[in-house]
C-alpha atoms as a PDB file:
ATOM      1  CA  MET A   1      53.314  -0.299 -14.805  1.00  0.00           C
ATOM      2  CA  LYS A   2      50.569  -1.003 -16.908  1.00  0.00           C
ATOM      3  CA  ASP A   3      50.130  -4.911 -18.630  1.00  0.00           C
ATOM      4  CA  ASN A   4      48.680  -4.624 -21.910  1.00  0.00           C
ATOM      5  CA  ALA A   5      49.695  -8.079 -22.952  1.00  0.00           C
ATOM      6  CA  ARG A   6      47.606  -9.582 -20.194  1.00  0.00           C
ATOM      7  CA  ASP A   7      43.928 -11.068 -20.421  1.00  0.00           C
ATOM      8  CA  TYR A   8      42.089 -10.250 -17.588  1.00  0.00           C
ATOM      9  CA  GLY A   9      39.164 -11.615 -18.310  1.00  0.00           C
ATOM     10  CA  LYS A  10      35.295 -10.440 -17.867  1.00  0.00           C
ATOM     11  CA  THR A  11      33.783 -12.308 -14.705  1.00  0.00           C
ATOM     12  CA  LEU A  12      33.273  -8.692 -13.135  1.00  0.00           C
ATOM     13  CA  GLU A  13      31.993  -6.988 -15.724  1.00  0.00           C
ATOM     14  CA  ARG A  14      28.499  -5.626 -15.956  1.00  0.00           C
ATOM     15  CA  ASP A  15      26.767  -2.487 -17.906  1.00  0.00           C
ATOM     16  CA  PHE A  16      27.880   0.511 -15.914  1.00  0.00           C
ATOM     17  CA  SER A  17      26.804   3.019 -18.378  1.00  0.00           C
ATOM     18  CA  GLY A  18      24.056   4.352 -16.216  1.00  0.00           C
ATOM     19  CA  LEU A  19      26.631   5.282 -13.312  1.00  0.00           C
ATOM     20  CA  LYS A  20      28.187   8.306 -12.795  1.00  0.00           C
ATOM     21  CA  ILE A  21      31.283   7.830 -10.659  1.00  0.00           C
ATOM     22  CA  ALA A  22      33.289  11.067  -9.120  1.00  0.00           C
ATOM     23  CA  VAL A  23      36.941  11.394  -8.675  1.00  0.00           C
ATOM     24  CA  LEU A  24      38.119  13.451  -5.704  1.00  0.00           C
ATOM     25  CA  ALA A  25      40.063  15.760  -7.943  1.00  0.00           C
ATOM     26  CA  LEU A  26      42.274  17.657  -5.279  1.00  0.00           C
ATOM     27  CA  GLN A  27      45.599  15.677  -5.486  1.00  0.00           C
ATOM     28  CA  GLY A  28      47.061  12.329  -6.791  1.00  0.00           C
ATOM     29  CA  ALA A  29      46.147  10.095  -9.569  1.00  0.00           C
ATOM     30  CA  VAL A  30      42.788  11.395 -10.440  1.00  0.00           C
ATOM     31  CA  SER A  31      43.238  11.046 -14.099  1.00  0.00           C
ATOM     32  CA  GLU A  32      44.408   7.326 -13.769  1.00  0.00           C
ATOM     33  CA  HIS A  33      41.061   6.561 -12.110  1.00  0.00           C
ATOM     34  CA  MET A  34      39.093   8.333 -14.417  1.00  0.00           C
ATOM     35  CA  ASP A  35      40.504   6.219 -17.370  1.00  0.00           C
ATOM     36  CA  CYS A  36      39.466   3.468 -15.308  1.00  0.00           C
ATOM     37  CA  VAL A  37      35.921   4.429 -14.473  1.00  0.00           C
ATOM     38  CA  GLY A  38      35.538   5.549 -18.282  1.00  0.00           C
ATOM     39  CA  ARG A  39      36.859   2.050 -19.745  1.00  0.00           C
ATOM     40  CA  CYS A  40      34.351   0.109 -17.482  1.00  0.00           C
ATOM     41  CA  GLY A  41      31.630   1.949 -19.286  1.00  0.00           C
ATOM     42  CA  ALA A  42      30.503   4.421 -16.402  1.00  0.00           C
ATOM     43  CA  ARG A  43      31.060   8.387 -16.672  1.00  0.00           C
ATOM     44  CA  ALA A  44      33.700  10.043 -14.483  1.00  0.00           C
ATOM     45  CA  LEU A  45      33.015  12.832 -12.708  1.00  0.00           C
ATOM     46  CA  HIS A  46      36.095  15.787 -12.025  1.00  0.00           C
ATOM     47  CA  VAL A  47      35.225  16.907  -8.788  1.00  0.00           C
ATOM     48  CA  ARG A  48      36.938  19.858  -7.099  1.00  0.00           C
ATOM     49  CA  ARG A  49      34.625  21.084  -5.212  1.00  0.00           C
ATOM     50  CA  PRO A  50      31.459  20.292  -3.133  1.00  0.00           C
ATOM     51  CA  GLY A  51      28.338  20.515  -4.488  1.00  0.00           C
ATOM     52  CA  LEU A  52      28.944  17.975  -7.387  1.00  0.00           C
ATOM     53  CA  LEU A  53      28.629  14.805  -5.275  1.00  0.00           C
ATOM     54  CA  HIS A  54      24.850  14.900  -5.030  1.00  0.00           C
ATOM     55  CA  GLU A  55      25.116  13.928  -9.009  1.00  0.00           C
ATOM     56  CA  ALA A  56      27.304  10.666  -8.246  1.00  0.00           C
ATOM     57  CA  ASP A  57      26.583   7.322  -7.652  1.00  0.00           C
ATOM     58  CA  GLY A  58      29.967   6.586  -5.949  1.00  0.00           C
ATOM     59  CA  LEU A  59      33.233   8.498  -5.344  1.00  0.00           C
ATOM     60  CA  ILE A  60      36.740   7.399  -5.560  1.00  0.00           C
ATOM     61  CA  ILE A  61      39.450   9.123  -3.478  1.00  0.00           C
ATOM     62  CA  PRO A  62      42.591   8.267  -5.068  1.00  0.00           C
ATOM     63  CA  GLY A  63      46.311   7.850  -3.762  1.00  0.00           C
ATOM     64  CA  GLY A  64      48.898  10.970  -3.617  1.00  0.00           C
ATOM     65  CA  GLU A  65      49.765  13.066  -0.285  1.00  0.00           C
ATOM     66  CA  SER A  66      47.111  12.119   2.143  1.00  0.00           C
ATOM     67  CA  THR A  67      48.232  15.387   4.038  1.00  0.00           C
ATOM     68  CA  THR A  68      47.621  17.798   0.964  1.00  0.00           C
ATOM     69  CA  ILE A  69      44.312  15.788   0.261  1.00  0.00           C
ATOM     70  CA  GLY A  70      43.348  16.383   3.847  1.00  0.00           C
ATOM     71  CA  ARG A  71      44.013  19.965   3.880  1.00  0.00           C
ATOM     72  CA  LEU A  72      42.159  20.777   0.600  1.00  0.00           C
ATOM     73  CA  SER A  73      39.219  18.791   1.751  1.00  0.00           C
ATOM     74  CA  ARG A  74      38.865  20.395   4.899  1.00  0.00           C
ATOM     75  CA  LEU A  75      39.599  23.847   3.074  1.00  0.00           C
ATOM     76  CA  PHE A  76      36.859  23.220   0.333  1.00  0.00           C
ATOM     77  CA  GLY A  77      34.312  21.366   3.063  1.00  0.00           C
ATOM     78  CA  PHE A  78      34.431  17.832   1.638  1.00  0.00           C
ATOM     79  CA  ARG A  79      34.384  16.457   5.252  1.00  0.00           C
ATOM     80  CA  GLU A  80      30.910  17.125   5.598  1.00  0.00           C
ATOM     81  CA  GLU A  81      29.870  16.419   2.394  1.00  0.00           C
ATOM     82  CA  ILE A  82      31.653  12.837   2.064  1.00  0.00           C
ATOM     83  CA  SER A  83      30.267  11.833   5.402  1.00  0.00           C
ATOM     84  CA  ALA A  84      26.927  12.579   4.295  1.00  0.00           C
ATOM     85  CA  PHE A  85      27.501  10.614   0.968  1.00  0.00           C
ATOM     86  CA  ALA A  86      28.662   7.654   2.841  1.00  0.00           C
ATOM     87  CA  ALA A  87      25.750   7.863   5.504  1.00  0.00           C
ATOM     88  CA  ALA A  88      23.199   8.133   2.513  1.00  0.00           C
ATOM     89  CA  GLY A  89      24.760   4.590   1.513  1.00  0.00           C
ATOM     90  CA  LYS A  90      26.618   5.578  -1.633  1.00  0.00           C
ATOM     91  CA  PRO A  91      29.710   3.647  -2.095  1.00  0.00           C
ATOM     92  CA  ILE A  92      33.425   5.280  -1.480  1.00  0.00           C
ATOM     93  CA  LEU A  93      36.651   3.676  -3.093  1.00  0.00           C
ATOM     94  CA  GLY A  94      39.789   5.143  -1.084  1.00  0.00           C
ATOM     95  CA  THR A  95      43.096   3.688  -2.455  1.00  0.00           C
ATOM     96  CA  CYS A  96      46.484   4.395  -0.470  1.00  0.00           C
ATOM     97  CA  ALA A  97      45.837   7.933   0.651  1.00  0.00           C
ATOM     98  CA  GLY A  98      42.197   7.907   0.007  1.00  0.00           C
ATOM     99  CA  ALA A  99      42.253   4.752   2.601  1.00  0.00           C
ATOM    100  CA  ILE A 100      43.975   6.909   5.349  1.00  0.00           C
ATOM    101  CA  LEU A 101      41.521   9.532   4.794  1.00  0.00           C
ATOM    102  CA  LEU A 102      38.562   7.215   5.179  1.00  0.00           C
ATOM    103  CA  ALA A 103      40.117   5.915   8.454  1.00  0.00           C
ATOM    104  CA  GLN A 104      38.509   6.523  11.860  1.00  0.00           C
ATOM    105  CA  ARG A 105      41.922   5.744  13.225  1.00  0.00           C
ATOM    106  CA  VAL A 106      45.618   7.294  12.312  1.00  0.00           C
ATOM    107  CA  GLU A 107      48.590   6.395  13.866  1.00  0.00           C
ATOM    108  CA  GLY A 108      50.587   9.713  14.791  1.00  0.00           C
ATOM    109  CA  GLN A 109      47.780  12.249  13.276  1.00  0.00           C
ATOM    110  CA  ASP A 110      44.428  13.168  14.075  1.00  0.00           C
ATOM    111  CA  PRO A 111      41.991  11.251  11.610  1.00  0.00           C
ATOM    112  CA  ILE A 112      40.417  13.378   8.340  1.00  0.00           C
ATOM    113  CA  ILE A 113      37.578  11.737   7.290  1.00  0.00           C
ATOM    114  CA  PRO A 114      36.675   9.095  10.107  1.00  0.00           C
ATOM    115  CA  ILE A 115      34.132   7.171   8.807  1.00  0.00           C
ATOM    116  CA  MET A 116      35.493   3.714   8.481  1.00  0.00           C
ATOM    117  CA  ASN A 117      36.272   1.673  11.319  1.00  0.00           C
ATOM    118  CA  ILE A 118      39.983   0.825  10.513  1.00  0.00           C
ATOM    119  CA  THR A 119      43.706   2.224  12.012  1.00  0.00           C
ATOM    120  CA  VAL A 120      46.383   2.948   9.382  1.00  0.00           C
ATOM    121  CA  GLN A 121      49.607   3.747   9.495  1.00  0.00           C
ATOM    122  CA  ARG A 122      51.261   6.026   7.098  1.00  0.00           C
ATOM    123  CA  ASN A 123      54.352   4.823   5.096  1.00  0.00           C
ATOM    124  CA  ALA A 124      54.197   1.176   6.281  1.00  0.00           C
ATOM    125  CA  PHE A 125      55.968  -0.181   3.249  1.00  0.00           C
ATOM    126  CA  GLY A 126      58.759   2.288   2.923  1.00  0.00           C
ATOM    127  CA  ARG A 127      59.327   5.296   0.960  1.00  0.00           C
ATOM    128  CA  GLN A 128      59.419   6.258  -2.671  1.00  0.00           C
ATOM    129  CA  ARG A 129      62.180   4.191  -3.826  1.00  0.00           C
ATOM    130  CA  GLU A 130      60.818   0.991  -2.136  1.00  0.00           C
ATOM    131  CA  SER A 131      57.851   0.932  -4.052  1.00  0.00           C
ATOM    132  CA  PHE A 132      57.301  -2.394  -5.776  1.00  0.00           C
ATOM    133  CA  GLU A 133      54.316  -4.585  -7.455  1.00  0.00           C
ATOM    134  CA  THR A 134      53.102  -8.059  -6.398  1.00  0.00           C
ATOM    135  CA  GLU A 135      50.642 -10.752  -7.418  1.00  0.00           C
ATOM    136  CA  LEU A 136      47.600 -11.082  -4.770  1.00  0.00           C
ATOM    137  CA  ASP A 137      44.981 -13.428  -4.337  1.00  0.00           C
ATOM    138  CA  ILE A 138      42.011 -11.574  -3.929  1.00  0.00           C
ATOM    139  CA  PRO A 139      38.693 -14.175  -4.136  1.00  0.00           C
ATOM    140  CA  ALA A 140      36.296 -11.121  -4.269  1.00  0.00           C
ATOM    141  CA  LEU A 141      37.902  -9.964  -7.679  1.00  0.00           C
ATOM    142  CA  GLY A 142      37.949 -13.464  -9.049  1.00  0.00           C
ATOM    143  CA  ALA A 143      40.461 -16.789  -9.495  1.00  0.00           C
ATOM    144  CA  GLU A 144      43.002 -14.766 -10.997  1.00  0.00           C
ATOM    145  CA  PRO A 145      45.848 -13.107  -9.238  1.00  0.00           C
ATOM    146  CA  PHE A 146      45.330  -9.561  -8.916  1.00  0.00           C
ATOM    147  CA  CYS A 147      48.553  -7.258  -9.644  1.00  0.00           C
ATOM    148  CA  ALA A 148      48.652  -4.644  -6.747  1.00  0.00           C
ATOM    149  CA  VAL A 149      51.150  -1.569  -6.851  1.00  0.00           C
ATOM    150  CA  PHE A 150      52.428  -0.366  -3.799  1.00  0.00           C
ATOM    151  CA  ILE A 151      53.866   3.411  -3.787  1.00  0.00           C
ATOM    152  CA  ARG A 152      54.494   4.680  -0.406  1.00  0.00           C
ATOM    153  CA  ALA A 153      51.782   2.576   0.440  1.00  0.00           C
ATOM    154  CA  PRO A 154      49.612   2.486   4.489  1.00  0.00           C
ATOM    155  CA  LEU A 155      48.919  -0.548   6.192  1.00  0.00           C
ATOM    156  CA  ILE A 156      45.390  -1.199   7.897  1.00  0.00           C
ATOM    157  CA  LYS A 157      46.956  -2.297  11.099  1.00  0.00           C
ATOM    158  CA  GLU A 158      43.236  -2.887  12.545  1.00  0.00           C
ATOM    159  CA  ALA A 159      39.870  -3.733  11.041  1.00  0.00           C
ATOM    160  CA  ALA A 160      37.444  -3.470  13.519  1.00  0.00           C
ATOM    161  CA  GLU A 161      33.853  -4.543  13.841  1.00  0.00           C
ATOM    162  CA  GLY A 162      31.925  -4.419  10.905  1.00  0.00           C
ATOM    163  CA  VAL A 163      34.909  -4.608   8.430  1.00  0.00           C
ATOM    164  CA  GLU A 164      35.462  -7.389   6.131  1.00  0.00           C
ATOM    165  CA  VAL A 165      39.463  -8.179   5.297  1.00  0.00           C
ATOM    166  CA  LEU A 166      39.540  -9.134   1.359  1.00  0.00           C
ATOM    167  CA  ALA A 167      43.191  -9.302   1.037  1.00  0.00           C
ATOM    168  CA  THR A 168      46.364  -9.513   3.014  1.00  0.00           C
ATOM    169  CA  TYR A 169      50.127  -9.518   2.464  1.00  0.00           C
ATOM    170  CA  ASN A 170      52.419 -10.923   4.519  1.00  0.00           C
ATOM    171  CA  THR A 171      49.986 -11.223   7.010  1.00  0.00           C
ATOM    172  CA  GLY A 172      49.256  -7.138   7.060  1.00  0.00           C
ATOM    173  CA  ILE A 173      45.666  -6.250   5.990  1.00  0.00           C
ATOM    174  CA  ILE A 174      45.642  -4.127   2.354  1.00  0.00           C
ATOM    175  CA  PHE A 175      42.099  -4.460   1.210  1.00  0.00           C
ATOM    176  CA  VAL A 176      38.930  -4.181   3.332  1.00  0.00           C
ATOM    177  CA  ARG A 177      35.298  -3.227   3.175  1.00  0.00           C
ATOM    178  CA  GLU A 178      32.695  -1.980   5.462  1.00  0.00           C
ATOM    179  CA  LYS A 179      29.122  -2.263   4.145  1.00  0.00           C
ATOM    180  CA  ASN A 180      29.434   0.638   1.456  1.00  0.00           C
ATOM    181  CA  LEU A 181      33.214   1.608   2.012  1.00  0.00           C
ATOM    182  CA  LEU A 182      36.162   0.044   0.101  1.00  0.00           C
ATOM    183  CA  ALA A 183      39.812   0.857   1.273  1.00  0.00           C
ATOM    184  CA  THR A 184      42.901  -0.409  -0.277  1.00  0.00           C
ATOM    185  CA  ALA A 185      46.616  -0.012   0.802  1.00  0.00           C
ATOM    186  CA  PHE A 186      47.949  -0.075  -3.150  1.00  0.00           C
ATOM    187  CA  HIS A 187      47.106   1.374  -6.526  1.00  0.00           C
ATOM    188  CA  PRO A 188      44.526  -0.571  -8.393  1.00  0.00           C
ATOM    189  CA  GLU A 189      44.496   2.318 -11.244  1.00  0.00           C
ATOM    190  CA  LEU A 190      47.982   1.649 -12.281  1.00  0.00           C
ATOM    191  CA  THR A 191      47.535  -1.334 -14.176  1.00  0.00           C
ATOM    192  CA  ASP A 192      45.179  -2.615 -16.719  1.00  0.00           C
ATOM    193  CA  ASP A 193      43.210  -4.562 -14.589  1.00  0.00           C
ATOM    194  CA  LEU A 194      39.791  -3.119 -14.174  1.00  0.00           C
ATOM    195  CA  ARG A 195      38.565  -5.317 -11.690  1.00  0.00           C
ATOM    196  CA  MET A 196      38.507  -3.521  -8.505  1.00  0.00           C
ATOM    197  CA  HIS A 197      37.007  -0.486 -10.110  1.00  0.00           C
ATOM    198  CA  GLN A 198      34.256  -3.065 -11.635  1.00  0.00           C
ATOM    199  CA  TYR A 199      33.550  -4.443  -8.000  1.00  0.00           C
ATOM    200  CA  PHE A 200      33.511  -0.782  -6.638  1.00  0.00           C
ATOM    201  CA  MET A 201      30.923  -0.125  -9.541  1.00  0.00           C
ATOM    202  CA  GLY A 202      29.068  -3.043  -8.816  1.00  0.00           C
ATOM    203  CA  ILE A 203      28.226  -1.451  -5.486  1.00  0.00           C
ATOM    204  CA  ALA A 204      27.143   1.234  -6.950  1.00  0.00           C
ATOM    205  CA  LEU A 205      24.880  -0.329  -8.985  1.00  0.00           C
ATOM    206  CA  GLU A 206      22.892  -2.427  -6.341  1.00  0.00           C
ATOM    207  CA  HIS A 207      22.538   0.805  -4.675  1.00  0.00           C
ATOM    208  CA  GLN A 208      21.323   2.397  -7.701  1.00  0.00           C
ATOM    209  CA  HIS A 209      18.587  -0.180  -8.037  1.00  0.00           C
ATOM    210  CA  SER A 210      17.974   0.127  -4.529  1.00  0.00           C
ATOM    211  CA  VAL A 211      16.888   3.383  -4.390  1.00  0.00           C
ATOM    212  CA  THR A 212      15.084   2.975  -7.654  1.00  0.00           C
ATOM    213  CA  SER A 213      13.256  -0.024  -6.570  1.00  0.00           C
ATOM    214  CA  SER A 214      12.225   2.002  -3.080  1.00  0.00           C
ATOM    215  CA  LEU A 215      11.321   4.765  -5.153  1.00  0.00           C
ATOM    216  CA  ASN A 216       8.918   2.873  -7.595  1.00  0.00           C
ATOM    217  CA  GLY A 217       7.439   1.059  -4.459  1.00  0.00           C
ATOM    218  CA  HIS A 218       6.381   4.653  -3.165  1.00  0.00           C
ATOM    219  CA  GLN A 219       4.997   5.687  -6.042  1.00  0.00           C
ATOM    220  CA  ALA A 220       3.259   2.767  -6.037  1.00  0.00           C
ATOM    221  CA  SER A 221       1.807   2.695  -2.644  1.00  0.00           C
ATOM    222  CA  ALA A 222       1.126   6.460  -3.311  1.00  0.00           C
END
C-alpha cells in the first residue's frame, strides 16, 4: 500500500530529532509505525512493558486486534500508565484498534482505556476482504489529499464535548482530536505519507517546549 512515486512535500516537517516516541508493541502494526517515526527524524521506542513510557514524549497505539491489545494492556498494567501519560499532557495517537482502546464508549463492549470523549463502533467498514483505500481532504495535514487505508476499520459514531472532528468519510467521523489525544479509524502508517506522524509529533514538540519553558521559569524564580 506504499506509494513511493508520490511527492508529499515538506509542509509539516520540523526538527523532531529531540523526541522519543513510544509505540505500544503488544500486537499489530508496530514496525510500520516505528519506521514512520524514524523517517520523521525522531527516536522510536519499542514498548512492551510498563515503566518505559516515562522516557517518551508521545505514544502511538497501533492498529491490530483491539481485543488482544486490550487484554494484554490490562494484563501488563498499561491501562493506568497510559491514563497517567495522557493526564500529564503528553500526546497519544490511536490508529484503528488504537482508537477503540482510547474511546470512553465502545458499542457492544466495555471500554478499555476510556480517556477520549468519543463513541466507537468496531468493524464498521466491514471485514478484512472489504478493506479499501481512499483519498481524504484533511485540512490539518495540508492542502494535498491524504491516502487513507481502511482495514476492518472502526467508525467514530460520536465526537462529544471537547472533541474536534478533523476528517470524515461519507459523513462518518474518522479522525478526531481532543487536546493532546488523536484517534483515526484508518492506518496512516501503511503509506509513504508522513504528514499524520509529523502532525502528531508537532504536538509532542509543543508539549516538550512548554514543559522546558515552565522548568526554566521555575528555576529563574528560585
